[in-house]
Amino acid sequence: MPVKVTDPEAEHLRVPRATVRELISDSDIGSLVAMQSSEISTDTQTYTISPEADHSKVYSLNPAPLGLLDWMADPDGEVFVITSYVMSGPDGKPELWPIRIDAVRHTYDPVIVAPETVFVGSTTFTVDSELGAYVWWSTDGGATWQEYPDAPVTVDRTCTVSVYAQLPGLSDSQTVSLDFTREYVSGGVTIEPTATGNGYIDVEILPEEPVEGDYRIYCTTDGSEPEVKTSHRYKGAMRLRSTVTVKALMVEEGKRPGAVNACQVIVPQAVSGATKIHVKEGDGITAVIITPFYVIPQGSFTIYYTTDGTEPYVDPALEYDGSALMFREPCTIKAILLQNGMLPGEVASMAIRVVTGIAAPGADTDSDSQVSCTPDGAVSAPEGSRLYDMAGRQLRIDARLRKGIYIVVLPSGKPVKLLVD
């Protein structure tokens, strides 16, 4: 019997009295059916067909009525309308004896195009299809279908988008699917200084809003961006002893990392303690030792001082080595303490006097007028003379004196009383 393959663009041909079927059963044995949209597969001389309506169904095809089907060089993948008698095969199952095979072309499969399939908020998709085809899409597994509007379609939830295309005179395309996954972004964090101490601040990082479920916080204190890794994991309040920039983010379970929050935490630097100036006066010489006012471990501080009345500052040239300072002339000593990692403390100041054993009653008056005093209190005495008040404190020889009695010790060592009135 000759085989007639119809023109794909022509209408489907039907043999009179053939019953249209998409699937067959035992009840069809002995009848003439027209199997719709079936694929033919061959393995040497064995032929089977699989209906598009249910690819899990496979029927045996007996090529005897049409010879060996030599005219089909490679039937795999083509779609046909197969008009055949349904017979009982050797295994008792329905077997098709074809009398006519009409090739039918599919509408070409559409393509779903999306900028991203894993998204935050929403995304869109478009469909590329054969010119003139009608396209249908669904997001509920094919329970309901909507006509594609030939414009981007918005997707705002996790779903599977399925589409297929139709062209008049051709079979429907295969259904094409694409999975979309909506992801959510974790919330933000707040960076809060929770306690202040002497030279440190405790900082706590908390979610901005209450969080349901598990979450983790990651942070850095070196200015770098926090990453989701163990070394950046926040484990509790941090004690900071210097000014740094804290950066942190939160990752809630099943969500993307949240936004990075940055905060500069300024740690007020602690101020060092005070110093204490210890003085021991002797005959014509005064010893001075400078120590911290309170006991501080050795090696954790440095003392700086001046003896000319200027303010002390951090300068190696002014560093106190801990030994006694010996003074034979009065002066003003000023000192500061600098503890490691702290600001300098307050300046301690003390006027240093030098006491002699000269007693005013035993001093002679200046009979030869070597010592005198001007009306404004300026002393005139031989070079090398020393000036003392009645308490034995040495004064500057060029000082302006107030009214009173003073002692001038001449270079020869002779003390002379000086009356300033």
Protein backbone atom coordinates (compact mmCIF):
# COMPACT_ATOMS: atom_id res chain seq x y z
CA MET A 1 0.00 0.00 0.00
CA PRO A 2 1.53 3.38 -0.95
CA VAL A 3 2.27 5.89 1.79
CA LYS A 4 0.97 9.41 1.45
CA VAL A 5 2.71 12.12 3.46
CA THR A 6 0.60 15.24 3.56
CA ASP A 7 1.77 18.78 3.09
CA PRO A 8 2.45 20.21 6.58
CA GLU A 9 0.62 23.41 5.69
CA ALA A 10 -2.49 21.54 4.57
CA GLU A 11 -5.38 20.69 6.85
CA HIS A 12 -5.15 17.42 8.73
CA LEU A 13 -6.53 14.56 6.62
CA ARG A 14 -8.88 12.13 8.21
CA VAL A 15 -9.76 8.62 6.93
CA PRO A 16 -13.56 8.12 7.00
CA ARG A 17 -14.83 6.39 10.07
CA ALA A 18 -11.43 6.78 11.86
CA THR A 19 -11.88 7.72 15.47
CA VAL A 20 -9.63 10.56 16.66
CA ARG A 21 -7.59 9.52 19.66
CA GLU A 22 -4.75 10.99 21.71
CA LEU A 23 -4.45 7.80 23.75
CA ILE A 24 -5.72 4.27 23.08
CA SER A 25 -6.78 1.39 25.31
CA ASP A 26 -7.82 -2.27 25.00
CA SER A 27 -11.33 -1.13 24.12
CA ASP A 28 -9.99 0.30 20.84
CA ILE A 29 -8.76 -3.09 19.58
CA GLY A 30 -10.37 -3.82 16.23
CA SER A 31 -11.18 -0.18 15.47
CA LEU A 32 -9.65 2.38 13.14
CA VAL A 33 -8.14 5.34 14.98
CA ALA A 34 -6.29 8.51 14.04
CA MET A 35 -3.59 9.01 16.68
CA GLN A 36 -2.89 12.70 17.10
CA SER A 37 0.58 14.25 17.47
CA SER A 38 2.64 11.13 18.02
CA GLU A 39 6.38 10.64 17.83
CA ILE A 40 7.83 7.56 16.10
CA SER A 41 10.98 5.90 17.41
CA THR A 42 12.89 3.07 15.77
CA ASP A 43 15.41 0.54 17.04
CA THR A 44 16.58 -1.53 14.03
CA GLN A 45 13.32 -3.12 12.84
CA THR A 46 11.26 -2.29 15.95
CA TYR A 47 9.00 0.74 15.87
CA THR A 48 7.13 2.42 18.71
CA ILE A 49 5.07 5.54 19.02
CA SER A 50 4.68 7.89 21.96
CA PRO A 51 1.71 10.25 22.06
CA GLU A 52 2.40 13.82 23.10
CA ALA A 53 -0.60 13.69 25.38
CA ASP A 54 1.30 11.31 27.66
CA HIS A 55 4.93 10.50 26.92
CA SER A 56 4.87 7.73 29.48
CA LYS A 57 2.64 5.73 27.11
CA VAL A 58 4.46 3.73 24.43
CA TYR A 59 2.66 1.68 21.78
CA SER A 60 4.08 -0.86 19.39
CA LEU A 61 3.87 0.04 15.69
CA ASN A 62 3.70 -2.80 13.14
CA PRO A 63 5.23 -1.50 9.90
CA ALA A 64 3.98 -4.47 7.83
CA PRO A 65 1.00 -2.68 6.28
CA LEU A 66 3.34 0.01 4.96
CA GLY A 67 6.31 -2.18 4.20
CA LEU A 68 9.46 -1.60 6.29
CA LEU A 69 8.89 2.15 6.35
CA ASP A 70 12.13 2.56 4.37
CA TRP A 71 10.89 5.96 3.32
CA MET A 72 11.49 7.16 6.93
CA ALA A 73 15.24 7.65 7.05
CA ASP A 74 15.18 9.13 10.55
CA PRO A 75 11.74 9.38 12.06
CA ASP A 76 12.97 10.28 15.58
CA GLY A 77 11.64 13.59 16.81
CA GLU A 78 9.08 14.17 14.04
CA VAL A 79 5.39 14.46 14.89
CA PHE A 80 2.73 12.55 12.98
CA VAL A 81 -0.97 11.86 12.76
CA ILE A 82 -1.02 8.05 12.44
CA THR A 83 -4.16 6.47 11.07
CA SER A 84 -4.09 2.79 11.91
CA TYR A 85 -6.04 -0.23 12.99
CA VAL A 86 -5.65 -1.17 16.63
CA MET A 87 -4.81 -4.87 16.83
CA SER A 88 -3.89 -7.19 19.64
CA GLY A 89 -0.12 -7.68 19.68
CA PRO A 90 1.78 -10.84 20.57
CA ASP A 91 1.87 -9.73 24.21
CA GLY A 92 -1.85 -9.06 24.23
CA LYS A 93 -1.38 -5.31 24.32
CA PRO A 94 -2.75 -2.93 21.67
CA GLU A 95 -0.57 -2.70 18.55
CA LEU A 96 -0.99 -0.16 15.75
CA TRP A 97 -1.19 -1.29 12.10
CA PRO A 98 -0.83 1.99 10.15
CA ILE A 99 -2.52 2.65 6.84
CA ARG A 100 -1.62 6.31 6.64
CA ILE A 101 0.98 8.60 8.25
CA ASP A 102 0.71 12.38 8.01
CA ALA A 103 3.71 14.47 9.08
CA VAL A 104 2.78 17.45 11.26
CA ARG A 105 5.18 20.22 12.29
CA HIS A 106 5.25 21.67 15.81
CA THR A 107 4.98 25.35 16.44
CA TYR A 108 8.52 26.25 17.36
CA ASP A 109 9.21 26.24 21.09
CA PRO A 110 9.20 29.70 22.67
CA VAL A 111 12.09 31.01 24.76
CA ILE A 112 11.66 32.72 28.14
CA VAL A 113 14.05 35.68 28.55
CA ALA A 114 14.66 37.16 32.03
CA PRO A 115 17.34 39.57 33.30
CA GLU A 116 17.61 37.47 36.46
CA THR A 117 15.87 34.42 37.83
CA VAL A 118 17.00 34.96 41.43
CA PHE A 119 15.90 38.42 42.47
CA VAL A 120 14.99 40.79 45.27
CA GLY A 121 11.63 42.59 45.12
CA SER A 122 10.56 41.77 41.57
CA THR A 123 11.82 40.99 38.09
CA THR A 124 10.34 40.61 34.63
CA PHE A 125 10.37 38.18 31.76
CA THR A 126 9.60 38.33 28.06
CA VAL A 127 8.93 35.54 25.55
CA ASP A 128 10.55 35.11 22.16
CA SER A 129 8.34 33.06 19.87
CA GLU A 130 7.69 32.23 16.23
CA LEU A 131 6.29 35.12 14.23
CA GLY A 132 2.50 35.20 14.43
CA ALA A 133 2.28 32.62 17.22
CA TYR A 134 -0.08 32.97 20.13
CA VAL A 135 1.78 32.52 23.43
CA TRP A 136 0.23 31.42 26.70
CA TRP A 137 1.83 31.56 30.13
CA SER A 138 1.13 30.14 33.57
CA THR A 139 2.63 30.32 37.07
CA ASP A 140 0.50 27.65 38.75
CA GLY A 141 1.69 24.55 36.96
CA GLY A 142 -0.73 24.93 34.06
CA ALA A 143 -3.92 25.08 36.14
CA THR A 144 -4.71 28.42 34.53
CA TRP A 145 -3.26 30.03 31.41
CA GLN A 146 -3.06 33.67 30.38
CA GLU A 147 -2.34 35.08 26.97
CA TYR A 148 1.10 36.65 26.76
CA PRO A 149 0.65 40.42 26.23
CA ASP A 150 3.79 40.81 24.06
CA ALA A 151 5.28 42.99 26.81
CA PRO A 152 7.37 42.33 29.93
CA VAL A 153 5.51 40.40 32.62
CA THR A 154 6.34 41.13 36.28
CA VAL A 155 7.20 38.32 38.67
CA ASP A 156 7.26 39.17 42.38
CA ARG A 157 7.28 35.76 44.03
CA THR A 158 8.99 32.41 43.82
CA CYS A 159 7.32 30.37 41.08
CA THR A 160 7.81 28.40 37.88
CA VAL A 161 6.78 30.23 34.72
CA SER A 162 5.56 27.92 31.95
CA VAL A 163 4.81 29.01 28.37
CA TYR A 164 3.79 27.41 25.10
CA ALA A 165 3.03 28.74 21.62
CA GLN A 166 0.32 28.06 19.03
CA LEU A 167 0.19 28.65 15.28
CA PRO A 168 -2.90 27.90 13.20
CA GLY A 169 -2.51 24.67 11.26
CA LEU A 170 0.39 23.43 13.41
CA SER A 171 0.54 21.48 16.62
CA ASP A 172 1.25 23.33 19.84
CA SER A 173 4.83 23.83 20.84
CA GLN A 174 6.35 22.04 23.75
CA THR A 175 5.75 23.67 27.12
CA VAL A 176 8.85 25.55 28.23
CA SER A 177 9.44 26.38 31.90
CA LEU A 178 11.79 28.60 33.90
CA ASP A 179 12.13 28.73 37.67
CA PHE A 180 12.13 32.11 39.45
CA THR A 181 13.28 32.56 43.06
CA ARG A 182 12.56 35.64 45.10
CA GLU A 183 15.08 36.36 47.84
CA TYR A 184 14.71 38.75 50.76
CA VAL A 185 17.29 41.11 52.23
CA SER A 186 18.16 40.97 55.91
CA GLY A 187 17.43 43.96 58.10
CA GLY A 188 19.88 46.61 59.24
CA VAL A 189 21.86 46.96 62.44
CA THR A 190 22.55 49.72 64.95
CA ILE A 191 25.99 50.32 66.45
CA GLU A 192 25.69 51.57 70.02
CA PRO A 193 28.33 52.57 72.58
CA THR A 194 26.93 50.99 75.72
CA ALA A 195 29.48 51.86 78.41
CA THR A 196 32.34 54.30 78.91
CA GLY A 197 35.39 53.75 81.09
CA ASN A 198 38.78 55.35 81.62
CA GLY A 199 40.17 55.15 78.10
CA TYR A 200 37.74 52.63 76.61
CA ILE A 201 34.20 52.23 75.27
CA ASP A 202 32.10 49.06 75.11
CA VAL A 203 30.21 48.87 71.80
CA GLU A 204 27.18 46.66 71.15
CA ILE A 205 25.67 45.86 67.73
CA LEU A 206 21.96 45.06 67.57
CA PRO A 207 19.27 44.55 64.88
CA GLU A 208 17.37 47.71 64.03
CA GLU A 209 14.07 45.88 64.27
CA PRO A 210 13.00 42.69 66.10
CA VAL A 211 14.03 39.62 64.11
CA GLU A 212 12.06 36.39 63.86
CA GLY A 213 14.29 33.38 63.49
CA ASP A 214 18.04 33.00 63.58
CA TYR A 215 20.45 35.70 62.48
CA ARG A 216 24.15 36.50 62.62
CA ILE A 217 26.03 39.78 62.67
CA TYR A 218 29.41 40.33 61.05
CA CYS A 219 31.63 43.35 61.72
CA THR A 220 35.07 44.90 61.29
CA THR A 221 36.98 47.60 63.17
CA ASP A 222 39.78 48.22 60.66
CA GLY A 223 37.73 50.13 58.10
CA SER A 224 37.31 47.16 55.74
CA GLU A 225 33.93 45.90 54.57
CA PRO A 226 32.48 43.08 56.71
CA GLU A 227 32.18 39.70 55.02
CA VAL A 228 30.14 36.61 55.87
CA LYS A 229 33.00 34.61 57.34
CA THR A 230 34.02 33.30 60.74
CA SER A 231 36.75 35.87 61.36
CA HIS A 232 34.21 38.70 61.08
CA ARG A 233 31.54 37.09 63.27
CA TYR A 234 30.24 39.38 66.02
CA LYS A 235 30.07 37.54 69.33
CA GLY A 236 29.11 40.24 71.80
CA ALA A 237 29.95 43.70 73.11
CA MET A 238 33.42 44.84 72.05
CA ARG A 239 35.75 46.88 74.26
CA LEU A 240 37.51 49.51 72.19
CA ARG A 241 40.52 51.42 73.51
CA SER A 242 41.13 53.65 70.50
CA THR A 243 39.02 55.57 68.01
CA VAL A 244 37.98 53.28 65.13
CA THR A 245 35.30 52.92 62.46
CA VAL A 246 33.00 49.99 63.15
CA LYS A 247 31.22 48.46 60.14
CA ALA A 248 28.56 45.77 60.53
CA LEU A 249 25.83 43.88 58.68
CA MET A 250 23.26 41.23 59.57
CA VAL A 251 22.39 37.98 57.81
CA GLU A 252 19.01 36.51 58.66
CA GLU A 253 18.39 32.85 57.99
CA GLY A 254 17.32 32.31 54.38
CA LYS A 255 17.97 35.92 53.38
CA ARG A 256 20.65 37.92 51.66
CA PRO A 257 23.06 40.00 53.80
CA GLY A 258 21.64 43.33 54.88
CA ALA A 259 23.10 46.77 54.26
CA VAL A 260 26.41 47.72 55.88
CA ASN A 261 26.15 50.27 58.67
CA ALA A 262 29.26 52.25 59.59
CA CYS A 263 29.89 54.27 62.73
CA GLN A 264 32.99 56.06 63.95
CA VAL A 265 33.43 55.28 67.63
CA ILE A 266 35.50 57.96 69.32
CA VAL A 267 37.24 56.74 72.45
CA PRO A 268 38.22 59.64 74.75
CA GLN A 269 41.87 59.14 75.65
CA ALA A 270 42.47 58.72 79.37
CA VAL A 271 44.40 61.39 81.26
CA SER A 272 47.49 60.44 83.21
CA GLY A 273 47.62 60.91 86.96
CA ALA A 274 49.31 63.66 88.91
CA THR A 275 52.92 64.01 90.06
CA LYS A 276 54.27 64.73 93.52
CA ILE A 277 57.36 66.86 94.13
CA HIS A 278 59.33 65.82 97.24
CA VAL A 279 61.73 68.42 98.69
CA LYS A 280 64.51 68.07 101.28
CA GLU A 281 66.30 71.26 102.28
CA GLY A 282 69.90 71.34 103.52
CA ASP A 283 72.42 74.03 104.33
CA GLY A 284 72.80 75.85 101.05
CA ILE A 285 71.45 72.99 98.94
CA THR A 286 67.97 71.53 98.26
CA ALA A 287 67.28 68.00 96.96
CA VAL A 288 64.16 67.28 94.85
CA ILE A 289 62.63 63.93 93.82
CA ILE A 290 59.57 63.67 91.52
CA THR A 291 57.23 60.66 91.67
CA PRO A 292 53.69 59.75 90.54
CA PHE A 293 51.14 60.86 93.11
CA TYR A 294 49.83 57.28 93.29
CA VAL A 295 51.73 54.02 92.90
CA ILE A 296 52.06 53.07 89.21
CA PRO A 297 53.98 50.04 87.86
CA GLN A 298 57.49 50.90 86.79
CA GLY A 299 57.95 51.10 83.02
CA SER A 300 54.37 52.27 82.43
CA PHE A 301 55.00 56.00 82.77
CA THR A 302 57.46 58.84 82.11
CA ILE A 303 57.92 62.15 83.97
CA TYR A 304 58.97 65.38 82.26
CA TYR A 305 60.03 68.58 84.11
CA THR A 306 61.43 72.11 83.78
CA THR A 307 63.28 74.36 86.25
CA ASP A 308 63.00 77.70 84.48
CA GLY A 309 59.31 78.26 85.10
CA THR A 310 58.18 77.18 81.63
CA GLU A 311 55.50 74.57 81.09
CA PRO A 312 56.84 71.00 80.73
CA TYR A 313 55.96 69.00 77.63
CA VAL A 314 56.78 65.61 76.11
CA ASP A 315 60.38 66.00 75.05
CA PRO A 316 63.20 63.51 75.64
CA ALA A 317 65.40 66.43 76.70
CA LEU A 318 63.06 67.08 79.64
CA GLU A 319 62.67 63.46 80.75
CA TYR A 320 63.22 62.82 84.46
CA ASP A 321 65.48 59.83 85.16
CA GLY A 322 64.34 59.22 88.73
CA SER A 323 67.45 60.48 90.53
CA ALA A 324 67.49 63.35 93.03
CA LEU A 325 67.80 66.85 91.57
CA MET A 326 70.20 69.09 93.56
CA PHE A 327 69.66 72.87 93.63
CA ARG A 328 71.98 75.58 95.04
CA GLU A 329 69.89 78.39 93.63
CA PRO A 330 66.17 78.97 94.10
CA CYS A 331 63.95 78.09 91.14
CA THR A 332 60.48 76.95 90.19
CA ILE A 333 60.16 73.31 89.19
CA LYS A 334 57.21 72.10 87.10
CA ALA A 335 56.48 68.44 86.22
CA ILE A 336 53.95 66.28 84.36
CA LEU A 337 53.24 62.54 84.32
CA LEU A 338 52.65 60.65 81.06
CA GLN A 339 51.27 57.14 81.40
CA ASN A 340 51.47 54.75 78.45
CA GLY A 341 48.56 55.22 76.04
CA MET A 342 47.20 58.26 77.90
CA LEU A 343 47.28 62.00 77.68
CA PRO A 344 49.68 63.97 79.92
CA GLY A 345 48.42 64.71 83.42
CA GLU A 346 48.11 68.04 85.18
CA VAL A 347 51.21 70.15 85.76
CA ALA A 348 52.58 70.14 89.31
CA SER A 349 54.53 73.25 90.33
CA MET A 350 56.66 74.12 93.34
CA ALA A 351 58.99 77.03 94.22
CA ILE A 352 62.31 75.64 95.40
CA ARG A 353 64.21 77.59 98.02
CA VAL A 354 67.77 77.18 99.21
CA VAL A 355 68.19 77.66 102.97
CA THR A 356 71.48 78.77 104.62
CA GLY A 357 72.57 78.76 108.26
CA ILE A 358 72.99 82.56 108.32
CA ALA A 359 71.13 84.19 111.20
CA ALA A 360 70.13 87.80 110.75
CA PRO A 361 71.13 88.94 114.26
CA GLY A 362 74.76 87.83 113.63
CA ALA A 363 75.12 89.75 110.42
CA ASP A 364 77.00 93.03 110.27
CA THR A 365 75.88 96.16 108.59
CA ASP A 366 77.79 97.33 105.55
CA SER A 367 80.12 99.92 107.04
CA ASP A 368 82.05 100.54 103.84
CA SER A 369 78.93 101.01 101.68
CA GLN A 370 79.65 97.97 99.41
CA VAL A 371 75.93 97.06 99.68
CA SER A 372 73.07 99.48 99.08
CA CYS A 373 69.49 99.60 97.89
CA THR A 374 67.83 102.07 95.57
CA PRO A 375 64.45 103.63 96.44
CA ASP A 376 62.69 101.21 94.05
CA GLY A 377 64.15 98.14 95.84
CA ALA A 378 67.07 97.31 93.52
CA VAL A 379 70.13 95.86 95.31
CA SER A 380 73.64 97.04 94.55
CA ALA A 381 76.33 94.60 95.71
CA PRO A 382 79.73 93.27 94.57
CA GLU A 383 79.55 90.66 91.79
CA GLY A 384 79.18 87.17 93.21
CA SER A 385 77.12 88.28 96.23
CA ARG A 386 74.08 86.25 97.34
CA LEU A 387 70.77 87.60 98.69
CA TYR A 388 68.59 85.97 101.39
CA ASP A 389 65.45 86.93 103.27
CA MET A 390 65.16 86.67 107.04
CA ALA A 391 63.77 83.10 106.72
CA GLY A 392 66.99 82.01 105.07
CA ARG A 393 65.51 81.63 101.58
CA GLN A 394 67.84 82.62 98.81
CA LEU A 395 66.51 85.27 96.48
CA ARG A 396 67.64 86.51 93.11
CA ILE A 397 70.26 89.26 93.59
CA ASP A 398 68.57 91.33 90.90
CA ALA A 399 65.09 91.03 92.50
CA ARG A 400 63.11 94.12 93.42
CA LEU A 401 62.81 94.05 97.20
CA ARG A 402 59.90 95.11 99.35
CA LYS A 403 60.31 96.84 102.70
CA GLY A 404 62.14 94.68 105.22
CA ILE A 405 65.49 93.33 106.36
CA TYR A 406 67.59 91.15 104.04
CA ILE A 407 71.01 89.48 104.23
CA VAL A 408 73.63 89.91 101.52
CA VAL A 409 76.52 87.46 101.58
CA LEU A 410 79.57 89.04 100.00
CA PRO A 411 81.98 87.02 97.81
CA SER A 412 84.29 86.86 100.81
CA GLY A 413 81.53 85.07 102.73
CA LYS A 414 80.81 88.00 105.00
CA PRO A 415 77.07 88.48 105.64
CA VAL A 416 75.76 92.04 105.60
CA LYS A 417 72.36 93.26 106.76
CA LEU A 418 70.38 95.32 104.29
CA LEU A 419 67.48 97.47 105.40
CA VAL A 420 64.90 98.38 102.78
CA ASP A 421 62.54 101.09 103.98
